[in-house]
Amino acid sequence: MNVGFVGTGTMGAPMLGNLVKKGFGVVAYDVAPAALANAEKRGATRAESAADAARRSDLVITMLPSSSHIETAYLGKNGIAEGLTAGRLCVDMSTVDPAASRRVAQSLAAKGVRFIDAPVSGGVPRAEEGTLAIMVGGEARDVEEARPALIAMGANVIHVGAVGSGEVAKLCNNLIAGVSAVAVAEAFRIAEGFGVDAGILTDVISKSSGNTWVMQFMHPVPGIVAKSASSNDYTPGFMTDLMAKDLGLAVNAARELRVPVVVAPAAQQVLRLASSHGLGRRDFTSVYLFLKPSGEQAPV
C-alpha cells in the first residue's frame, strides 16, 4: 500500500518513518521545505502538493497543527480533495476541533470519499518507537481498512465511535494531561521551597493517591526520569503551545455543551503565560520553569 502523508513535522516525520520501516510506500508533502527534506531522509518520496500526494497514494494520512490547517490541506487550492477519486479513504491524525473533522468529512463525502479521525497520544518518543495510542472516529469498515497503517505507528488502536469521536477522546485525555502537568509542577515547586528532595517526593507520591502518568513518564523536574523532556533540556515531546491549543479546544467544547469547567481554563492560561515567557516551543512540562519562585524582594 502506498500512503500519501501530508504534514511531516515533529510528529509526522517519525510516524511516516515507521510506515516506511513496516514496508509501506510513503509519498510525503509539507509546506515547510525542511520538514519535507526530513521526510525524504526517513525514506519517503517527495510530492509537489497535497493533491499530488493524494493522487499518488492508496490511503491518505494527515498530521497537522490545527483545525484551520486540516481544512486548508483537504479543501483548499491544490488540496487533498483535488487528488482524490470516489471510494478513497483519508485518515486525519491531527488534534483538532471535532466539528472541523465533521465538516471535512461531510465535504469529502459529497465526492464519495471516506474520512476518519485518528488523533494520537504519546508525543515524539512514542512516535519514534511506533507505540502511540491512537483513538479513532469513523465507520467500522473504514477503521479496519486503515488499521494496518495505524498499527505500524501505534501500539493501541481504539475505535471510539463516529467521525469526530476520536478527537473528543483526545481532547479529554489532553485536558487531564495538561492540568496534571501544571499541578505536578506546582507541587514540586512548593516542595523545593521547603527543601524537600524532588527524588524522595517522587517516591512518596508514586506510592500515594497523587501519582500521575505525567509524573511517571514526563516528570517536569530535570534529572528524575531520564527519558523525560525535562531531563533533555525540555526538548519537546509535545510543545507548550500545542497543549495550550488542545486545552482551548476542550474549553470551547465544554462551552458549547454548557458544561462548566474551571480547572482546564486556569491550566490553559498558565501554559499561555509560559509561552509568552519564551517556552511555547519547548515541552509542555517546561511550565515548571515558568513557575519558579518570585525573588526575595517580592511582597508575597
Protein backbone atom coordinates (compact mmCIF):
# COMPACT_ATOMS: atom_id res chain seq x y z
CA MET A 1 0.00 0.00 0.00
CA ASN A 2 1.20 3.50 -0.85
CA VAL A 3 0.39 6.14 1.75
CA GLY A 4 0.14 9.84 0.99
CA PHE A 5 1.38 11.61 4.12
CA VAL A 6 0.67 15.33 4.48
CA GLY A 7 2.28 17.09 7.45
CA THR A 8 5.79 15.84 8.13
CA GLY A 9 6.73 17.94 11.15
CA THR A 10 7.76 17.00 14.67
CA MET A 11 5.22 14.17 14.98
CA GLY A 12 4.55 13.38 11.34
CA ALA A 13 8.16 12.61 10.42
CA PRO A 14 8.69 9.74 12.90
CA MET A 15 5.21 8.41 12.17
CA LEU A 16 5.86 8.16 8.45
CA GLY A 17 9.28 6.75 9.25
CA ASN A 18 7.61 3.81 10.96
CA LEU A 19 5.34 3.28 7.94
CA VAL A 20 8.44 3.05 5.75
CA LYS A 21 10.06 0.60 8.20
CA LYS A 22 6.95 -1.60 8.06
CA GLY A 23 7.06 -1.79 4.26
CA PHE A 24 4.64 0.93 3.22
CA GLY A 25 5.49 3.23 0.35
CA VAL A 26 5.14 6.85 1.51
CA VAL A 27 4.59 9.89 -0.69
CA ALA A 28 5.05 12.94 1.53
CA TYR A 29 4.18 16.62 1.36
CA ASP A 30 4.70 19.55 3.73
CA VAL A 31 4.59 23.29 3.15
CA ALA A 32 7.88 23.61 5.09
CA PRO A 33 10.85 22.60 2.89
CA ALA A 34 12.94 21.48 5.89
CA ALA A 35 10.17 19.18 7.11
CA LEU A 36 9.78 17.68 3.65
CA ALA A 37 13.54 17.13 3.39
CA ASN A 38 13.43 15.31 6.74
CA ALA A 39 10.67 13.08 5.40
CA GLU A 40 12.84 12.17 2.43
CA LYS A 41 15.70 11.26 4.79
CA ARG A 42 13.31 8.85 6.51
CA GLY A 43 12.56 7.10 3.23
CA ALA A 44 9.58 8.97 1.81
CA THR A 45 9.18 10.16 -1.77
CA ARG A 46 8.57 13.88 -2.24
CA ALA A 47 5.21 15.13 -3.57
CA GLU A 48 4.77 18.56 -5.15
CA SER A 49 1.49 19.35 -3.35
CA ALA A 50 -1.10 17.82 -1.07
CA ALA A 51 -3.16 16.98 -4.17
CA ASP A 52 -0.13 15.26 -5.72
CA ALA A 53 0.44 13.17 -2.58
CA ALA A 54 -3.21 12.11 -2.61
CA ARG A 55 -3.18 11.31 -6.31
CA ARG A 56 -0.15 9.03 -5.98
CA SER A 57 -1.35 7.01 -2.98
CA ASP A 58 -3.90 4.40 -1.92
CA LEU A 59 -4.52 5.88 1.54
CA VAL A 60 -4.08 9.49 2.69
CA ILE A 61 -2.87 10.39 6.20
CA THR A 62 -2.63 13.93 7.57
CA MET A 63 -0.81 15.15 10.68
CA LEU A 64 -1.24 18.91 11.02
CA PRO A 65 -1.19 21.53 13.81
CA SER A 66 -4.73 22.91 13.90
CA SER A 67 -8.30 22.89 12.59
CA SER A 68 -7.62 25.60 10.00
CA HIS A 69 -4.65 23.62 8.68
CA ILE A 70 -6.67 20.46 8.05
CA GLU A 71 -9.48 22.35 6.30
CA THR A 72 -6.95 24.08 4.05
CA ALA A 73 -4.99 20.87 3.40
CA TYR A 74 -8.10 18.94 2.41
CA LEU A 75 -10.31 21.55 0.81
CA GLY A 76 -8.01 24.40 -0.27
CA LYS A 77 -6.29 25.04 -3.61
CA ASN A 78 -4.07 22.07 -4.58
CA GLY A 79 -5.54 20.33 -1.55
CA ILE A 80 -6.03 16.65 -0.94
CA ALA A 81 -9.60 16.63 -2.28
CA GLU A 82 -8.33 17.63 -5.73
CA GLY A 83 -6.26 14.44 -5.91
CA LEU A 84 -8.95 12.02 -4.77
CA THR A 85 -11.49 9.87 -6.57
CA ALA A 86 -14.64 8.31 -5.15
CA GLY A 87 -14.11 5.44 -2.73
CA ARG A 88 -10.76 6.61 -1.38
CA LEU A 89 -10.08 6.77 2.38
CA CYS A 90 -8.47 9.62 4.34
CA VAL A 91 -7.19 9.46 7.91
CA ASP A 92 -6.61 12.68 9.83
CA MET A 93 -4.31 12.10 12.81
CA SER A 94 -4.17 15.75 13.90
CA THR A 95 -5.69 17.01 17.15
CA VAL A 96 -8.40 19.45 16.11
CA ASP A 97 -11.92 20.61 16.88
CA PRO A 98 -14.30 17.63 16.44
CA ALA A 99 -16.60 19.94 14.47
CA ALA A 100 -13.79 20.60 11.98
CA SER A 101 -13.36 16.84 11.47
CA ARG A 102 -17.05 16.51 10.74
CA ARG A 103 -17.01 19.46 8.31
CA VAL A 104 -14.15 17.94 6.35
CA ALA A 105 -15.84 14.52 6.41
CA GLN A 106 -19.06 16.00 5.03
CA SER A 107 -17.27 17.87 2.26
CA LEU A 108 -15.36 14.76 1.22
CA ALA A 109 -18.48 12.58 1.40
CA ALA A 110 -20.03 14.78 -1.29
CA LYS A 111 -17.27 13.45 -3.58
CA GLY A 112 -17.75 9.88 -2.42
CA VAL A 113 -14.53 10.00 -0.35
CA ARG A 114 -14.39 8.44 3.12
CA PHE A 115 -12.80 10.06 6.18
CA ILE A 116 -11.87 9.02 9.72
CA ASP A 117 -10.21 10.96 12.53
CA ALA A 118 -7.42 9.22 14.43
CA PRO A 119 -5.58 11.56 16.82
CA VAL A 120 -2.66 10.18 18.79
CA SER A 121 -1.22 10.30 22.28
CA GLY A 122 2.33 9.66 23.41
CA GLY A 123 4.36 12.52 21.97
CA VAL A 124 7.56 12.33 19.96
CA PRO A 125 9.18 9.48 21.97
CA ARG A 126 6.31 7.10 21.26
CA ALA A 127 6.00 8.37 17.70
CA GLU A 128 9.64 7.36 17.19
CA GLU A 129 9.05 3.98 18.84
CA GLY A 130 5.83 3.32 16.91
CA THR A 131 3.95 2.83 20.18
CA LEU A 132 1.41 5.67 20.02
CA ALA A 133 -2.09 5.35 21.42
CA ILE A 134 -4.49 6.05 18.55
CA MET A 135 -8.16 6.87 19.14
CA VAL A 136 -10.32 6.60 16.04
CA GLY A 137 -13.66 8.03 14.97
CA GLY A 138 -15.44 6.73 11.87
CA GLU A 139 -17.27 3.85 10.25
CA ALA A 140 -16.09 0.43 11.47
CA ARG A 141 -15.22 -0.79 7.96
CA ASP A 142 -13.11 2.31 7.33
CA VAL A 143 -11.28 1.85 10.62
CA GLU A 144 -10.47 -1.75 9.71
CA GLU A 145 -9.22 -0.71 6.28
CA ALA A 146 -6.87 1.81 7.88
CA ARG A 147 -5.82 -0.48 10.74
CA PRO A 148 -2.68 -1.98 9.10
CA ALA A 149 -1.23 1.51 8.64
CA LEU A 150 -2.32 2.60 12.11
CA ILE A 151 -0.77 -0.48 13.71
CA ALA A 152 2.52 0.43 12.03
CA MET A 153 2.52 3.67 14.03
CA GLY A 154 0.81 2.73 17.28
CA ALA A 155 0.63 0.03 19.92
CA ASN A 156 -3.01 0.68 20.77
CA VAL A 157 -5.70 1.48 18.18
CA ILE A 158 -9.09 2.08 19.76
CA HIS A 159 -12.30 2.68 17.80
CA VAL A 160 -14.20 5.27 19.84
CA GLY A 161 -17.29 5.90 17.71
CA ALA A 162 -18.48 8.04 14.79
CA VAL A 163 -16.36 10.63 12.97
CA GLY A 164 -15.18 13.24 15.47
CA SER A 165 -15.26 10.83 18.41
CA GLY A 166 -11.53 10.21 18.25
CA GLU A 167 -10.97 13.95 18.62
CA VAL A 168 -13.32 14.07 21.62
CA ALA A 169 -11.36 11.28 23.33
CA LYS A 170 -8.06 13.05 22.58
CA LEU A 171 -9.26 16.39 23.97
CA CYS A 172 -10.49 14.71 27.15
CA ASN A 173 -7.14 12.95 27.51
CA ASN A 174 -5.15 16.13 26.98
CA LEU A 175 -7.33 18.08 29.37
CA ILE A 176 -6.23 15.66 32.08
CA ALA A 177 -2.58 15.60 30.95
CA GLY A 178 -2.32 19.38 30.68
CA VAL A 179 -3.93 20.04 34.04
CA SER A 180 -1.79 17.30 35.62
CA ALA A 181 1.41 18.84 34.28
CA VAL A 182 0.59 22.19 35.86
CA ALA A 183 -0.43 20.55 39.14
CA VAL A 184 2.72 18.42 39.32
CA ALA A 185 4.93 21.42 38.54
CA GLU A 186 3.23 23.48 41.25
CA ALA A 187 3.57 20.70 43.81
CA PHE A 188 7.27 20.20 43.18
CA ARG A 189 7.97 23.93 43.29
CA ILE A 190 6.34 24.05 46.73
CA ALA A 191 8.40 21.06 47.88
CA GLU A 192 11.54 22.68 46.53
CA GLY A 193 10.80 25.84 48.52
CA PHE A 194 10.70 23.81 51.71
CA GLY A 195 13.91 21.97 50.85
CA VAL A 196 12.28 18.59 50.20
CA ASP A 197 14.29 16.44 47.79
CA ALA A 198 12.42 16.03 44.47
CA GLY A 199 13.51 12.41 44.09
CA ILE A 200 12.26 11.45 47.55
CA LEU A 201 8.97 13.28 47.00
CA THR A 202 8.56 11.44 43.68
CA ASP A 203 8.99 8.14 45.51
CA VAL A 204 6.37 9.18 48.08
CA ILE A 205 3.80 10.35 45.51
CA SER A 206 4.37 7.34 43.24
CA LYS A 207 3.04 5.20 46.10
CA SER A 208 0.22 7.57 47.00
CA SER A 209 -3.02 8.99 45.63
CA GLY A 210 -1.28 11.82 43.79
CA ASN A 211 0.52 9.54 41.36
CA THR A 212 0.02 10.53 37.69
CA TRP A 213 1.22 9.44 34.25
CA VAL A 214 2.85 12.86 33.82
CA MET A 215 4.96 12.37 36.95
CA GLN A 216 5.92 8.81 36.00
CA PHE A 217 6.97 9.42 32.41
CA MET A 218 7.11 13.20 31.81
CA HIS A 219 8.37 14.45 35.16
CA PRO A 220 8.76 18.25 34.96
CA VAL A 221 11.79 18.29 37.29
CA PRO A 222 15.07 17.57 35.46
CA GLY A 223 17.04 14.50 36.47
CA ILE A 224 14.19 12.41 37.92
CA VAL A 225 13.13 10.48 34.79
CA ALA A 226 16.00 10.00 32.34
CA LYS A 227 13.86 9.92 29.19
CA SER A 228 11.62 12.83 30.15
CA ALA A 229 11.79 16.09 28.22
CA SER A 230 12.87 17.93 31.36
CA SER A 231 16.00 15.77 31.59
CA ASN A 232 16.79 16.68 27.98
CA ASP A 233 16.54 20.48 28.16
CA TYR A 234 12.76 20.28 27.65
CA THR A 235 13.17 19.21 24.03
CA PRO A 236 9.52 18.87 23.05
CA GLY A 237 7.75 15.59 23.04
CA PHE A 238 4.69 17.85 22.94
CA MET A 239 5.07 21.61 22.79
CA THR A 240 3.63 24.04 25.33
CA ASP A 241 1.80 25.91 22.56
CA LEU A 242 0.14 22.70 21.35
CA MET A 243 -1.02 21.74 24.84
CA ALA A 244 -2.43 25.24 25.33
CA LYS A 245 -4.23 24.85 21.99
CA ASP A 246 -5.70 21.49 23.00
CA LEU A 247 -6.91 22.78 26.36
CA GLY A 248 -8.52 25.66 24.48
CA LEU A 249 -10.34 23.19 22.23
CA ALA A 250 -11.56 21.28 25.30
CA VAL A 251 -12.74 24.50 26.97
CA ASN A 252 -14.57 25.58 23.80
CA ALA A 253 -16.25 22.19 23.51
CA ALA A 254 -17.39 22.42 27.13
CA ARG A 255 -18.77 25.89 26.50
CA GLU A 256 -20.80 24.68 23.51
CA LEU A 257 -22.20 21.85 25.64
CA ARG A 258 -22.85 24.22 28.58
CA VAL A 259 -20.66 22.01 30.77
CA PRO A 260 -18.93 24.05 33.50
CA VAL A 261 -15.15 23.67 33.52
CA VAL A 262 -12.94 25.51 35.99
CA VAL A 263 -9.54 23.85 36.23
CA ALA A 264 -8.89 23.45 32.47
CA PRO A 265 -9.18 27.18 31.67
CA ALA A 266 -6.81 28.01 34.55
CA ALA A 267 -4.24 25.49 33.32
CA GLN A 268 -4.57 26.84 29.78
CA GLN A 269 -3.79 30.35 30.99
CA VAL A 270 -0.70 29.13 32.88
CA LEU A 271 0.52 27.45 29.68
CA ARG A 272 -0.18 30.61 27.67
CA LEU A 273 1.81 32.64 30.18
CA ALA A 274 4.65 30.13 29.93
CA SER A 275 4.51 30.56 26.15
CA SER A 276 4.66 34.34 26.46
CA HIS A 277 7.84 33.88 28.50
CA GLY A 278 9.58 32.02 25.70
CA LEU A 279 8.56 28.44 26.47
CA GLY A 280 5.99 27.95 23.71
CA ARG A 281 8.12 25.67 21.56
CA ARG A 282 9.62 23.71 24.43
CA ASP A 283 7.91 20.71 26.02
CA PHE A 284 4.72 21.49 27.93
CA THR A 285 6.35 20.27 31.16
CA SER A 286 8.60 23.35 30.92
CA VAL A 287 5.75 25.07 32.74
CA TYR A 288 7.90 24.08 35.75
CA LEU A 289 10.47 26.66 34.63
CA PHE A 290 7.79 29.34 34.38
CA LEU A 291 6.57 28.57 37.91
CA LYS A 292 9.87 29.49 39.55
CA PRO A 293 9.54 31.41 42.83
CA SER A 294 9.44 35.20 42.94
CA GLY A 295 12.52 36.99 44.25
CA GLU A 296 13.00 37.86 47.93
CA GLN A 297 12.05 41.47 47.20
CA ALA A 298 8.52 40.47 46.22
CA PRO A 299 5.92 41.36 48.90
CA VAL A 300 4.32 37.89 48.68
